[in-house]
Amino acid sequence: MEDVMIKLPNPSPASGRGCPEGAGEGCVQRAEKVSLLRLLREDVSCVFQRDPAARSRFEVLTTYPGVHAILMQRVAHRLWKFGLRYPARLLSWFARFVTNIDIHPGATIGRRFFIDHGAGVVIGETAEIGDDVTLYHGVTLGGTTWNKGKRHPTLGDGVVVGAGAKILGAITLGQNVRVGANSVVVKDVPAHRTVVGIPAKVVLRTEEAGTDNIYGINLDHHLIPDPVGRAIACLMERIEVLEGQLRKQGEPVDGQCRSCEADDLCGTEVARVIRKE
């Protein structure tokens, strides 16, 4: 995104995001051209939109390691762009020492970026992050090759990544993608999808689960289905249908398996609960 024109949405009354009032449709701003002070103010303000525990700006500025890491990364990235590579890396090292969050100064980060709790977050050099992205603790945006060049993920606007998730390689997550906790994403994900699992698979469209908060941000990344449970429920229903057909043909069908470790699940209330989910 360093040399890419980013089209920002028109602001809503609640969110205050996007282009300045009166700019109209098609307002375009360069993320790299936004003043550092404005980026820092937005990074602090967005905390109140996504963390109900935040009470004051002073508290956020003094006690939120995610905010500390982002503020220092903003400065380190400017140094990196000016060719001051060693000072940028030194500041990045200091930020990791203080916050336990490792963000390479070469990473390109959009506006209103928020890391909740922050411990253990790692963001690689060629990672690109859009606007209004939220990461939880333990997230890794890592590479899968030792070759130079683009080797880290690209996250679109509004992406939410759950705790412990790993997004690996030069892949792209589209706008408003949600990644379930502890998932491992190794392939591109289309916009407006929820992915979960190892490796992560699309299990839901974003618009099918949860609602945006008053700031237009959907943080309900915990509302995900159980694909394994659904598959088991489908198999159990199929077995019931086949057994019913055998009974009609006069074939003897036992209600329970003679020897099975899952005997207590078959045909019980547990199975019915799984099907309902």
Protein backbone atom coordinates (compact mmCIF):
# COMPACT_ATOMS: atom_id res chain seq x y z
CA MET A 1 0.00 0.00 0.00
CA GLU A 2 3.01 2.25 0.03
CA ASP A 3 2.37 3.57 -3.49
CA VAL A 4 -1.24 2.56 -3.84
CA MET A 5 -4.14 4.97 -3.81
CA ILE A 6 -6.57 3.95 -1.09
CA LYS A 7 -10.21 4.83 -1.53
CA LEU A 8 -11.80 5.61 1.80
CA PRO A 9 -15.54 5.25 2.44
CA ASN A 10 -17.71 8.24 3.15
CA PRO A 11 -18.03 8.75 6.90
CA SER A 12 -21.11 7.75 8.81
CA PRO A 13 -22.42 10.01 11.59
CA ALA A 14 -21.52 7.42 14.19
CA SER A 15 -18.13 6.31 13.04
CA GLY A 16 -16.49 9.48 11.84
CA ARG A 17 -14.40 7.34 9.49
CA GLY A 18 -13.51 7.93 5.86
CA CYS A 19 -13.14 11.13 3.85
CA PRO A 20 -13.57 14.64 5.24
CA GLU A 21 -17.10 15.98 5.30
CA GLY A 22 -18.17 17.44 1.99
CA ALA A 23 -15.59 15.51 0.00
CA GLY A 24 -18.31 13.54 -1.77
CA GLU A 25 -18.04 10.27 -3.64
CA GLY A 26 -14.66 9.14 -4.90
CA CYS A 27 -12.61 10.87 -2.22
CA VAL A 28 -9.08 9.47 -2.44
CA GLN A 29 -6.26 9.90 0.04
CA ARG A 30 -2.78 8.44 0.21
CA ALA A 31 -2.30 6.56 3.46
CA GLU A 32 1.36 7.57 3.46
CA LYS A 33 0.41 11.24 3.06
CA VAL A 34 -1.68 11.39 6.25
CA SER A 35 0.19 13.32 8.92
CA LEU A 36 1.82 11.27 11.66
CA LEU A 37 0.04 13.26 14.37
CA ARG A 38 -3.34 12.54 12.78
CA LEU A 39 -2.56 8.82 12.55
CA LEU A 40 -1.58 8.74 16.21
CA ARG A 41 -4.76 10.53 17.27
CA GLU A 42 -6.88 8.09 15.28
CA ASP A 43 -5.02 5.11 16.77
CA VAL A 44 -5.87 6.30 20.27
CA SER A 45 -9.47 7.27 19.48
CA CYS A 46 -10.31 3.94 17.84
CA VAL A 47 -9.63 2.11 21.12
CA PHE A 48 -12.87 3.46 22.56
CA GLN A 49 -14.76 2.03 19.58
CA ARG A 50 -13.49 -1.51 20.12
CA ASP A 51 -12.68 -1.92 23.81
CA PRO A 52 -15.45 -1.23 26.34
CA ALA A 53 -12.85 -1.34 29.13
CA ALA A 54 -11.22 1.88 27.90
CA ARG A 55 -12.17 4.80 30.14
CA SER A 56 -9.95 7.75 29.30
CA ARG A 57 -7.29 8.83 26.82
CA PHE A 58 -4.76 9.09 29.62
CA GLU A 59 -5.42 5.48 30.61
CA VAL A 60 -5.11 4.30 26.99
CA LEU A 61 -1.88 6.22 26.42
CA THR A 62 -0.24 4.96 29.61
CA THR A 63 -1.48 1.38 30.03
CA TYR A 64 -2.26 -0.11 26.59
CA PRO A 65 0.78 -1.98 25.16
CA GLY A 66 -0.97 -2.38 21.80
CA VAL A 67 -1.23 1.39 21.49
CA HIS A 68 2.40 1.85 22.57
CA ALA A 69 3.57 -0.62 19.91
CA ILE A 70 1.53 1.06 17.17
CA LEU A 71 2.70 4.56 18.09
CA MET A 72 6.35 3.49 17.99
CA GLN A 73 5.82 1.54 14.76
CA ARG A 74 4.40 4.64 13.08
CA VAL A 75 7.60 6.53 13.89
CA ALA A 76 9.84 3.57 13.00
CA HIS A 77 8.07 3.16 9.65
CA ARG A 78 8.70 6.81 8.76
CA LEU A 79 12.38 6.32 9.61
CA TRP A 80 12.40 3.16 7.46
CA LYS A 81 10.89 5.06 4.52
CA PHE A 82 13.53 7.77 4.85
CA GLY A 83 16.27 5.14 4.57
CA LEU A 84 17.24 5.27 8.26
CA ARG A 85 17.06 1.49 8.58
CA TYR A 86 19.14 0.95 11.71
CA PRO A 87 17.37 3.59 13.85
CA ALA A 88 14.07 2.13 12.65
CA ARG A 89 15.09 -1.40 13.66
CA LEU A 90 16.43 -0.15 16.98
CA LEU A 91 13.14 1.57 17.77
CA SER A 92 11.27 -1.56 16.71
CA TRP A 93 13.44 -3.64 19.05
CA PHE A 94 12.74 -1.25 21.91
CA ALA A 95 8.99 -1.45 21.22
CA ARG A 96 9.16 -5.24 21.36
CA PHE A 97 11.18 -5.11 24.59
CA VAL A 98 8.60 -2.85 26.23
CA THR A 99 5.35 -4.25 24.82
CA ASN A 100 6.06 -7.88 23.81
CA ILE A 101 4.73 -6.97 20.36
CA ASP A 102 7.05 -7.42 17.39
CA ILE A 103 6.18 -5.25 14.37
CA HIS A 104 8.79 -4.85 11.66
CA PRO A 105 9.28 -1.18 10.74
CA GLY A 106 8.87 -2.08 7.06
CA ALA A 107 5.29 -3.29 7.59
CA THR A 108 2.66 -1.02 6.05
CA ILE A 109 -0.21 -0.34 8.44
CA GLY A 110 -3.41 1.53 7.65
CA ARG A 111 -5.39 3.91 9.78
CA ARG A 112 -7.16 3.17 13.08
CA PHE A 113 -5.24 -0.04 13.71
CA PHE A 114 -5.92 -1.71 17.07
CA ILE A 115 -4.15 -4.56 18.86
CA ASP A 116 -6.17 -5.75 21.85
CA HIS A 117 -4.03 -6.99 24.78
CA GLY A 118 -1.17 -7.40 22.31
CA ALA A 119 1.05 -10.00 23.96
CA GLY A 120 2.83 -12.18 21.42
CA VAL A 121 1.71 -10.39 18.24
CA VAL A 122 4.21 -10.66 15.36
CA ILE A 123 3.93 -8.71 12.08
CA GLY A 124 6.51 -9.27 9.34
CA GLU A 125 8.35 -6.84 7.10
CA THR A 126 6.23 -7.06 3.94
CA ALA A 127 2.87 -7.33 5.71
CA GLU A 128 0.23 -4.84 4.52
CA ILE A 129 -2.70 -3.94 6.75
CA GLY A 130 -5.72 -1.90 5.71
CA ASP A 131 -7.82 0.55 7.69
CA ASP A 132 -9.85 -0.34 10.81
CA VAL A 133 -8.15 -3.71 11.33
CA THR A 134 -8.25 -5.40 14.75
CA LEU A 135 -5.83 -8.05 16.01
CA TYR A 136 -6.03 -9.94 19.29
CA HIS A 137 -3.12 -11.33 21.29
CA GLY A 138 -0.93 -14.06 19.88
CA VAL A 139 -1.61 -13.25 16.21
CA THR A 140 1.16 -13.84 13.67
CA LEU A 141 1.35 -12.32 10.20
CA GLY A 142 4.28 -14.43 9.06
CA GLY A 143 6.17 -15.45 5.96
CA THR A 144 6.65 -18.87 4.41
CA THR A 145 9.84 -18.33 2.41
CA TRP A 146 13.38 -17.11 2.94
CA ASN A 147 13.38 -15.32 -0.40
CA LYS A 148 13.30 -11.52 -0.40
CA GLY A 149 10.27 -9.74 -1.76
CA LYS A 150 6.62 -9.98 -0.81
CA ARG A 151 6.31 -12.88 1.65
CA HIS A 152 3.82 -11.73 4.30
CA PRO A 153 0.01 -11.39 4.25
CA THR A 154 -2.13 -8.50 3.08
CA LEU A 155 -5.19 -7.69 5.20
CA GLY A 156 -8.05 -5.64 3.76
CA ASP A 157 -10.08 -3.00 5.56
CA GLY A 158 -12.11 -4.06 8.59
CA VAL A 159 -10.44 -7.45 9.11
CA VAL A 160 -10.70 -8.99 12.61
CA VAL A 161 -8.20 -11.69 13.59
CA GLY A 162 -8.94 -13.75 16.71
CA ALA A 163 -6.47 -14.63 19.45
CA GLY A 164 -3.66 -16.99 18.50
CA ALA A 165 -4.46 -17.07 14.78
CA LYS A 166 -1.63 -17.45 12.28
CA ILE A 167 -1.82 -15.94 8.79
CA LEU A 168 1.09 -17.20 6.75
CA GLY A 169 2.52 -16.35 3.35
CA ALA A 170 1.90 -13.72 0.68
CA ILE A 171 -1.86 -14.22 0.77
CA THR A 172 -4.70 -11.72 0.79
CA LEU A 173 -7.63 -11.47 3.18
CA GLY A 174 -10.43 -9.41 1.69
CA GLN A 175 -12.43 -6.66 3.29
CA ASN A 176 -14.25 -7.49 6.56
CA VAL A 177 -12.86 -11.02 6.81
CA ARG A 178 -12.97 -12.53 10.31
CA VAL A 179 -10.50 -15.18 11.42
CA GLY A 180 -11.44 -17.48 14.30
CA ALA A 181 -9.11 -17.90 17.27
CA ASN A 182 -6.15 -20.26 16.76
CA SER A 183 -6.91 -20.71 13.06
CA VAL A 184 -4.08 -21.08 10.55
CA VAL A 185 -4.76 -19.27 7.27
CA VAL A 186 -2.57 -20.25 4.31
CA LYS A 187 -4.80 -19.35 1.33
CA ASP A 188 -6.53 -16.22 0.05
CA VAL A 189 -9.88 -15.43 1.65
CA PRO A 190 -12.60 -13.52 -0.26
CA ALA A 191 -14.18 -10.45 1.28
CA HIS A 192 -16.96 -10.80 3.86
CA ARG A 193 -16.09 -14.32 5.00
CA THR A 194 -15.41 -16.00 8.33
CA VAL A 195 -12.68 -18.65 8.37
CA VAL A 196 -11.83 -21.15 11.08
CA GLY A 197 -9.71 -24.26 11.54
CA ILE A 198 -6.29 -25.70 10.66
CA PRO A 199 -5.93 -25.05 7.81
CA ALA A 200 -8.62 -22.38 7.90
CA LYS A 201 -11.73 -22.89 5.79
CA VAL A 202 -14.59 -20.56 4.97
CA VAL A 203 -17.52 -21.41 7.23
CA LEU A 204 -19.68 -18.32 7.09
CA ARG A 205 -20.39 -15.11 5.27
CA THR A 206 -19.73 -12.13 7.52
CA GLU A 207 -23.20 -10.70 7.00
CA GLU A 208 -24.78 -13.93 8.28
CA ALA A 209 -23.43 -13.62 11.82
CA GLY A 210 -23.38 -10.77 14.29
CA THR A 211 -23.98 -7.10 13.73
CA ASP A 212 -21.72 -4.09 13.53
CA ASN A 213 -21.41 -1.92 16.59
CA ILE A 214 -22.35 1.75 16.46
CA TYR A 215 -18.98 2.49 14.87
CA GLY A 216 -19.55 0.10 11.96
CA ILE A 217 -17.13 -2.55 13.23
CA ASN A 218 -18.10 -6.20 13.71
CA LEU A 219 -16.09 -7.76 16.55
CA ASP A 220 -18.25 -10.90 16.90
CA HIS A 221 -15.50 -13.21 15.69
CA HIS A 222 -16.66 -15.81 18.24
CA LEU A 223 -19.92 -16.43 16.37
CA ILE A 224 -18.71 -19.30 14.20
CA PRO A 225 -20.33 -22.61 13.33
CA ASP A 226 -18.91 -26.06 14.07
CA PRO A 227 -18.21 -27.64 10.65
CA VAL A 228 -17.13 -30.96 12.18
CA GLY A 229 -20.28 -31.14 14.28
CA ARG A 230 -22.40 -30.38 11.22
CA ALA A 231 -20.68 -33.13 9.22
CA ILE A 232 -21.24 -35.66 12.01
CA ALA A 233 -24.88 -34.63 12.30
CA CYS A 234 -25.36 -35.13 8.54
CA LEU A 235 -23.80 -38.60 8.74
CA MET A 236 -26.02 -39.56 11.68
CA GLU A 237 -29.12 -38.37 9.84
CA ARG A 238 -28.06 -40.39 6.80
CA ILE A 239 -27.59 -43.49 8.95
CA GLU A 240 -31.08 -43.05 10.39
CA VAL A 241 -32.54 -42.82 6.89
CA LEU A 242 -30.71 -45.97 5.75
CA GLU A 243 -31.76 -47.89 8.84
CA GLY A 244 -35.35 -46.82 8.25
CA GLN A 245 -35.21 -48.17 4.69
CA LEU A 246 -33.78 -51.48 5.97
CA ARG A 247 -36.60 -51.82 8.50
CA LYS A 248 -39.17 -51.30 5.75
CA GLN A 249 -37.55 -54.15 3.84
CA GLY A 250 -37.82 -56.39 6.88
CA GLU A 251 -34.14 -56.38 7.68
CA PRO A 252 -33.22 -56.52 11.40
CA VAL A 253 -31.60 -53.30 12.58
CA ASP A 254 -30.29 -52.93 16.11
CA GLY A 255 -30.96 -49.61 17.77
CA GLN A 256 -27.44 -49.43 19.14
CA CYS A 257 -24.03 -50.61 17.98
CA ARG A 258 -22.81 -53.75 19.70
CA SER A 259 -19.35 -52.31 20.41
CA CYS A 260 -18.47 -48.68 19.87
CA GLU A 261 -16.72 -46.01 21.93
CA ALA A 262 -19.26 -43.44 20.73
CA ASP A 263 -22.23 -45.63 21.67
CA ASP A 264 -23.45 -43.13 24.21
CA LEU A 265 -23.85 -40.47 21.48
CA CYS A 266 -25.74 -42.36 18.79
CA GLY A 267 -29.46 -41.67 18.76
CA THR A 268 -29.31 -39.70 21.99
CA GLU A 269 -30.16 -36.17 22.99
CA VAL A 270 -26.55 -35.18 22.25
CA ALA A 271 -27.00 -36.06 18.58
CA ARG A 272 -30.18 -34.04 18.39
CA VAL A 273 -28.43 -31.04 19.94
CA ILE A 274 -25.60 -31.32 17.38
CA ARG A 275 -28.12 -31.34 14.53
CA LYS A 276 -29.84 -28.25 15.88
CA GLU A 277 -26.55 -26.36 16.00
